[in-house]
């Protein structure tokens, strides 16, 4: 999408370089003569621009909405759409924060255990009976497949003493 300012420059270049009339140059480029002759009547907003720049450099993490509140407190009468246009023209955009950090590189495949007690897997399962009672189970599985143990434990104990529950087997069963 070409801006009107760029089209005006193109018409001026064609007129001067090829000594064509404005009418023919507009027809060649494919723009309307009214757009070429347009003169903006918008006030320059120099005072507002300078104050906006000063506030934006003073408060770097503020976006245009919060700067609008500060400007209105200083008795600037400004529309939010007009302020956003000036904010964009001055390139005062707040830098976007980075997203979630993702793992780099390729994942190495997990080694297949050769002996019992090489690798243990832990899972926590919770469910609820029809009458509303809850059941929480900590499942500890030897990846080799020679051992499999589970223990019904409440949530708080399962996460709080996870390491001790593996070393001191079996886990003490307790109810809510």
C-alpha atoms as a PDB file:
ATOM      1  CA  UNK A   1       0.000   0.000   0.000  1.00  0.00           C
ATOM      2  CA  UNK A   2       1.533   3.283  -1.122  1.00  0.00           C
ATOM      3  CA  UNK A   3       0.934   6.344   1.044  1.00  0.00           C
ATOM      4  CA  UNK A   4      -0.491   9.557  -0.402  1.00  0.00           C
ATOM      5  CA  UNK A   5       2.786  11.350   0.343  1.00  0.00           C
ATOM      6  CA  UNK A   6       4.693   8.781  -1.736  1.00  0.00           C
ATOM      7  CA  UNK A   7       2.213   9.181  -4.605  1.00  0.00           C
ATOM      8  CA  UNK A   8       2.649  12.976  -4.491  1.00  0.00           C
ATOM      9  CA  UNK A   9       6.419  12.553  -4.737  1.00  0.00           C
ATOM     10  CA  UNK A  10       6.011  10.127  -7.647  1.00  0.00           C
ATOM     11  CA  UNK A  11       3.776  12.570  -9.539  1.00  0.00           C
ATOM     12  CA  UNK A  12       6.264  15.388  -8.929  1.00  0.00           C
ATOM     13  CA  UNK A  13       9.136  13.194 -10.171  1.00  0.00           C
ATOM     14  CA  UNK A  14       7.261  12.132 -13.342  1.00  0.00           C
ATOM     15  CA  UNK A  15       6.275  15.762 -14.055  1.00  0.00           C
ATOM     16  CA  UNK A  16       9.854  17.029 -13.741  1.00  0.00           C
ATOM     17  CA  UNK A  17      11.705  14.071 -15.329  1.00  0.00           C
ATOM     18  CA  UNK A  18       9.453  13.529 -18.378  1.00  0.00           C
ATOM     19  CA  UNK A  19       8.065  17.089 -18.642  1.00  0.00           C
ATOM     20  CA  UNK A  20       4.465  15.896 -18.420  1.00  0.00           C
ATOM     21  CA  UNK A  21       1.476  17.750 -17.089  1.00  0.00           C
ATOM     22  CA  UNK A  22       0.153  16.948 -13.635  1.00  0.00           C
ATOM     23  CA  UNK A  23      -3.010  15.511 -15.171  1.00  0.00           C
ATOM     24  CA  UNK A  24      -1.099  13.027 -17.371  1.00  0.00           C
ATOM     25  CA  UNK A  25       1.298  12.081 -14.567  1.00  0.00           C
ATOM     26  CA  UNK A  26      -1.649  11.295 -12.267  1.00  0.00           C
ATOM     27  CA  UNK A  27      -3.273   9.180 -14.960  1.00  0.00           C
ATOM     28  CA  UNK A  28       0.011   7.256 -15.494  1.00  0.00           C
ATOM     29  CA  UNK A  29       0.526   6.551 -11.790  1.00  0.00           C
ATOM     30  CA  UNK A  30      -3.158   5.912 -11.139  1.00  0.00           C
ATOM     31  CA  UNK A  31      -3.951   8.469  -8.483  1.00  0.00           C
ATOM     32  CA  UNK A  32      -6.500  11.251  -8.134  1.00  0.00           C
ATOM     33  CA  UNK A  33      -5.426  14.849  -8.783  1.00  0.00           C
ATOM     34  CA  UNK A  34      -7.294  16.014  -5.713  1.00  0.00           C
ATOM     35  CA  UNK A  35      -4.970  13.882  -3.569  1.00  0.00           C
ATOM     36  CA  UNK A  36      -1.903  15.434  -5.215  1.00  0.00           C
ATOM     37  CA  UNK A  37      -3.132  18.968  -4.627  1.00  0.00           C
ATOM     38  CA  UNK A  38      -4.337  18.313  -1.058  1.00  0.00           C
ATOM     39  CA  UNK A  39      -2.943  20.635   1.611  1.00  0.00           C
ATOM     40  CA  UNK A  40      -3.513  19.660   5.242  1.00  0.00           C
ATOM     41  CA  UNK A  41      -5.206  22.199   7.504  1.00  0.00           C
ATOM     42  CA  UNK A  42      -4.287  20.275  10.642  1.00  0.00           C
ATOM     43  CA  UNK A  43      -2.487  22.351  13.309  1.00  0.00           C
ATOM     44  CA  UNK A  44       1.160  21.369  13.825  1.00  0.00           C
ATOM     45  CA  UNK A  45       0.718  20.147  17.482  1.00  0.00           C
ATOM     46  CA  UNK A  46       4.324  21.083  18.307  1.00  0.00           C
ATOM     47  CA  UNK A  47       3.688  21.809  21.992  1.00  0.00           C
ATOM     48  CA  UNK A  48       1.717  18.576  22.443  1.00  0.00           C
ATOM     49  CA  UNK A  49       4.387  16.568  20.600  1.00  0.00           C
ATOM     50  CA  UNK A  50       7.201  17.943  22.730  1.00  0.00           C
ATOM     51  CA  UNK A  51       5.356  17.310  25.996  1.00  0.00           C
ATOM     52  CA  UNK A  52       4.390  13.802  24.859  1.00  0.00           C
ATOM     53  CA  UNK A  53       8.032  13.014  24.024  1.00  0.00           C
ATOM     54  CA  UNK A  54       9.188  14.348  27.394  1.00  0.00           C
ATOM     55  CA  UNK A  55       6.624  12.288  29.307  1.00  0.00           C
ATOM     56  CA  UNK A  56       7.376   9.162  27.273  1.00  0.00           C
ATOM     57  CA  UNK A  57      11.118   9.431  28.002  1.00  0.00           C
ATOM     58  CA  UNK A  58      10.428  10.157  31.666  1.00  0.00           C
ATOM     59  CA  UNK A  59       8.053   7.187  32.020  1.00  0.00           C
ATOM     60  CA  UNK A  60       9.370   4.583  29.602  1.00  0.00           C
ATOM     61  CA  UNK A  61       6.949   1.761  30.495  1.00  0.00           C
ATOM     62  CA  UNK A  62       3.804   3.897  30.015  1.00  0.00           C
ATOM     63  CA  UNK A  63       1.726   3.361  26.893  1.00  0.00           C
ATOM     64  CA  UNK A  64      -0.296   6.055  25.166  1.00  0.00           C
ATOM     65  CA  UNK A  65      -3.367   5.483  27.370  1.00  0.00           C
ATOM     66  CA  UNK A  66      -1.508   6.274  30.583  1.00  0.00           C
ATOM     67  CA  UNK A  67       0.277   9.188  28.915  1.00  0.00           C
ATOM     68  CA  UNK A  68      -3.153  10.517  27.878  1.00  0.00           C
ATOM     69  CA  UNK A  69      -4.175  10.641  31.545  1.00  0.00           C
ATOM     70  CA  UNK A  70      -0.997  12.531  32.456  1.00  0.00           C
ATOM     71  CA  UNK A  71      -1.506  15.020  29.609  1.00  0.00           C
ATOM     72  CA  UNK A  72      -5.123  15.629  30.612  1.00  0.00           C
ATOM     73  CA  UNK A  73      -3.968  16.332  34.180  1.00  0.00           C
ATOM     74  CA  UNK A  74      -1.725  19.028  32.685  1.00  0.00           C
ATOM     75  CA  UNK A  75      -4.794  20.594  30.965  1.00  0.00           C
ATOM     76  CA  UNK A  76      -4.022  19.394  27.446  1.00  0.00           C
ATOM     77  CA  UNK A  77      -7.299  18.923  25.592  1.00  0.00           C
ATOM     78  CA  UNK A  78      -6.567  15.951  23.380  1.00  0.00           C
ATOM     79  CA  UNK A  79      -8.594  13.130  21.830  1.00  0.00           C
ATOM     80  CA  UNK A  80      -7.261   9.602  22.397  1.00  0.00           C
ATOM     81  CA  UNK A  81      -7.251   8.872  18.628  1.00  0.00           C
ATOM     82  CA  UNK A  82      -5.280  12.038  17.898  1.00  0.00           C
ATOM     83  CA  UNK A  83      -2.824  11.230  20.688  1.00  0.00           C
ATOM     84  CA  UNK A  84      -2.355   7.684  19.366  1.00  0.00           C
ATOM     85  CA  UNK A  85      -1.641   9.052  15.860  1.00  0.00           C
ATOM     86  CA  UNK A  86       1.028  11.405  17.242  1.00  0.00           C
ATOM     87  CA  UNK A  87       2.374   8.623  19.484  1.00  0.00           C
ATOM     88  CA  UNK A  88       2.865   6.384  16.434  1.00  0.00           C
ATOM     89  CA  UNK A  89       4.368   9.164  14.282  1.00  0.00           C
ATOM     90  CA  UNK A  90       6.946   9.909  16.980  1.00  0.00           C
ATOM     91  CA  UNK A  91       7.671   6.147  17.325  1.00  0.00           C
ATOM     92  CA  UNK A  92       7.237   6.125  21.084  1.00  0.00           C
ATOM     93  CA  UNK A  93       5.914   2.562  21.186  1.00  0.00           C
ATOM     94  CA  UNK A  94       6.667   0.617  24.334  1.00  0.00           C
ATOM     95  CA  UNK A  95       8.890  -2.352  23.570  1.00  0.00           C
ATOM     96  CA  UNK A  96       6.998  -5.632  23.778  1.00  0.00           C
ATOM     97  CA  UNK A  97       8.210  -8.012  26.422  1.00  0.00           C
ATOM     98  CA  UNK A  98       9.592 -11.334  25.310  1.00  0.00           C
ATOM     99  CA  UNK A  99       7.466 -14.412  25.289  1.00  0.00           C
ATOM    100  CA  UNK A 100       7.968 -17.705  27.015  1.00  0.00           C
ATOM    101  CA  UNK A 101      11.473 -19.121  26.855  1.00  0.00           C
ATOM    102  CA  UNK A 102      11.539 -22.337  24.873  1.00  0.00           C
ATOM    103  CA  UNK A 103      14.101 -25.111  25.007  1.00  0.00           C
ATOM    104  CA  UNK A 104      16.772 -24.772  22.358  1.00  0.00           C
ATOM    105  CA  UNK A 105      18.186 -27.609  20.347  1.00  0.00           C
ATOM    106  CA  UNK A 106      16.901 -31.096  19.881  1.00  0.00           C
ATOM    107  CA  UNK A 107      15.888 -33.318  22.727  1.00  0.00           C
ATOM    108  CA  UNK A 108      18.039 -36.357  23.412  1.00  0.00           C
ATOM    109  CA  UNK A 109      16.109 -39.618  23.479  1.00  0.00           C
ATOM    110  CA  UNK A 110      15.712 -41.140  26.940  1.00  0.00           C
ATOM    111  CA  UNK A 111      18.057 -44.043  27.567  1.00  0.00           C
ATOM    112  CA  UNK A 112      16.511 -47.468  27.977  1.00  0.00           C
ATOM    113  CA  UNK A 113      17.257 -48.808  31.479  1.00  0.00           C
ATOM    114  CA  UNK A 114      19.260 -52.031  31.513  1.00  0.00           C
ATOM    115  CA  UNK A 115      18.873 -53.055  35.162  1.00  0.00           C
ATOM    116  CA  UNK A 116      16.214 -52.706  37.846  1.00  0.00           C
ATOM    117  CA  UNK A 117      16.497 -49.477  39.893  1.00  0.00           C
ATOM    118  CA  UNK A 118      18.178 -47.657  36.962  1.00  0.00           C
ATOM    119  CA  UNK A 119      15.286 -45.240  36.487  1.00  0.00           C
ATOM    120  CA  UNK A 120      12.082 -44.645  38.451  1.00  0.00           C
ATOM    121  CA  UNK A 121       9.006 -42.779  37.217  1.00  0.00           C
ATOM    122  CA  UNK A 122       6.610 -40.928  39.530  1.00  0.00           C
ATOM    123  CA  UNK A 123       3.016 -39.940  38.843  1.00  0.00           C
ATOM    124  CA  UNK A 124       0.331 -38.398  41.031  1.00  0.00           C
ATOM    125  CA  UNK A 125      -3.271 -39.370  40.298  1.00  0.00           C
ATOM    126  CA  UNK A 126      -6.381 -37.860  41.902  1.00  0.00           C
ATOM    127  CA  UNK A 127      -9.971 -38.931  41.448  1.00  0.00           C
ATOM    128  CA  UNK A 128     -13.308 -38.668  43.211  1.00  0.00           C
ATOM    129  CA  UNK A 129     -15.875 -41.324  44.148  1.00  0.00           C
ATOM    130  CA  UNK A 130     -19.585 -40.935  43.358  1.00  0.00           C
ATOM    131  CA  UNK A 131     -20.365 -40.061  47.000  1.00  0.00           C
ATOM    132  CA  UNK A 132     -17.844 -37.170  46.935  1.00  0.00           C
ATOM    133  CA  UNK A 133     -14.888 -38.745  48.727  1.00  0.00           C
ATOM    134  CA  UNK A 134     -11.532 -38.043  47.112  1.00  0.00           C
ATOM    135  CA  UNK A 135      -8.825 -40.526  46.347  1.00  0.00           C
ATOM    136  CA  UNK A 136      -5.202 -39.467  45.803  1.00  0.00           C
ATOM    137  CA  UNK A 137      -2.581 -41.964  44.688  1.00  0.00           C
ATOM    138  CA  UNK A 138       1.150 -41.556  44.288  1.00  0.00           C
ATOM    139  CA  UNK A 139       2.392 -44.087  41.741  1.00  0.00           C
ATOM    140  CA  UNK A 140       6.073 -44.966  41.675  1.00  0.00           C
ATOM    141  CA  UNK A 141       7.154 -47.265  38.848  1.00  0.00           C
ATOM    142  CA  UNK A 142      10.502 -48.838  38.116  1.00  0.00           C
ATOM    143  CA  UNK A 143      11.071 -48.092  34.426  1.00  0.00           C
ATOM    144  CA  UNK A 144      12.607 -51.503  33.907  1.00  0.00           C
ATOM    145  CA  UNK A 145       9.261 -53.016  34.874  1.00  0.00           C
ATOM    146  CA  UNK A 146      10.389 -55.258  37.704  1.00  0.00           C
ATOM    147  CA  UNK A 147       8.790 -53.175  40.468  1.00  0.00           C
ATOM    148  CA  UNK A 148       5.507 -51.296  40.666  1.00  0.00           C
ATOM    149  CA  UNK A 149       4.143 -49.723  43.821  1.00  0.00           C
ATOM    150  CA  UNK A 150       1.386 -47.257  44.652  1.00  0.00           C
ATOM    151  CA  UNK A 151       0.193 -45.685  47.844  1.00  0.00           C
ATOM    152  CA  UNK A 152      -2.990 -43.734  48.626  1.00  0.00           C
ATOM    153  CA  UNK A 153      -1.820 -40.467  50.158  1.00  0.00           C
ATOM    154  CA  UNK A 154      -3.352 -37.032  50.573  1.00  0.00           C
ATOM    155  CA  UNK A 155      -2.134 -34.259  48.314  1.00  0.00           C
ATOM    156  CA  UNK A 156      -0.138 -32.349  50.917  1.00  0.00           C
ATOM    157  CA  UNK A 157       1.899 -35.388  51.927  1.00  0.00           C
ATOM    158  CA  UNK A 158       2.466 -36.589  48.380  1.00  0.00           C
ATOM    159  CA  UNK A 159       4.245 -33.426  47.244  1.00  0.00           C
ATOM    160  CA  UNK A 160       5.792 -32.460  50.575  1.00  0.00           C
ATOM    161  CA  UNK A 161       7.670 -35.681  51.227  1.00  0.00           C
ATOM    162  CA  UNK A 162       8.209 -36.998  47.724  1.00  0.00           C
ATOM    163  CA  UNK A 163      11.896 -37.798  48.133  1.00  0.00           C
ATOM    164  CA  UNK A 164      11.457 -39.406  51.546  1.00  0.00           C
ATOM    165  CA  UNK A 165       8.567 -41.515  50.275  1.00  0.00           C
ATOM    166  CA  UNK A 166      10.832 -43.126  47.684  1.00  0.00           C
ATOM    167  CA  UNK A 167      13.705 -43.816  50.046  1.00  0.00           C
ATOM    168  CA  UNK A 168      11.553 -45.116  52.923  1.00  0.00           C
ATOM    169  CA  UNK A 169       9.272 -47.584  51.197  1.00  0.00           C
ATOM    170  CA  UNK A 170       6.315 -48.311  51.598  1.00  0.00           C
ATOM    171  CA  UNK A 171       4.600 -44.934  52.036  1.00  0.00           C
ATOM    172  CA  UNK A 172       2.436 -44.674  55.109  1.00  0.00           C
ATOM    173  CA  UNK A 173      -1.216 -44.668  54.045  1.00  0.00           C
ATOM    174  CA  UNK A 174      -3.349 -41.927  55.559  1.00  0.00           C
ATOM    175  CA  UNK A 175      -6.880 -40.687  54.893  1.00  0.00           C
ATOM    176  CA  UNK A 176      -8.467 -37.284  54.739  1.00  0.00           C
END
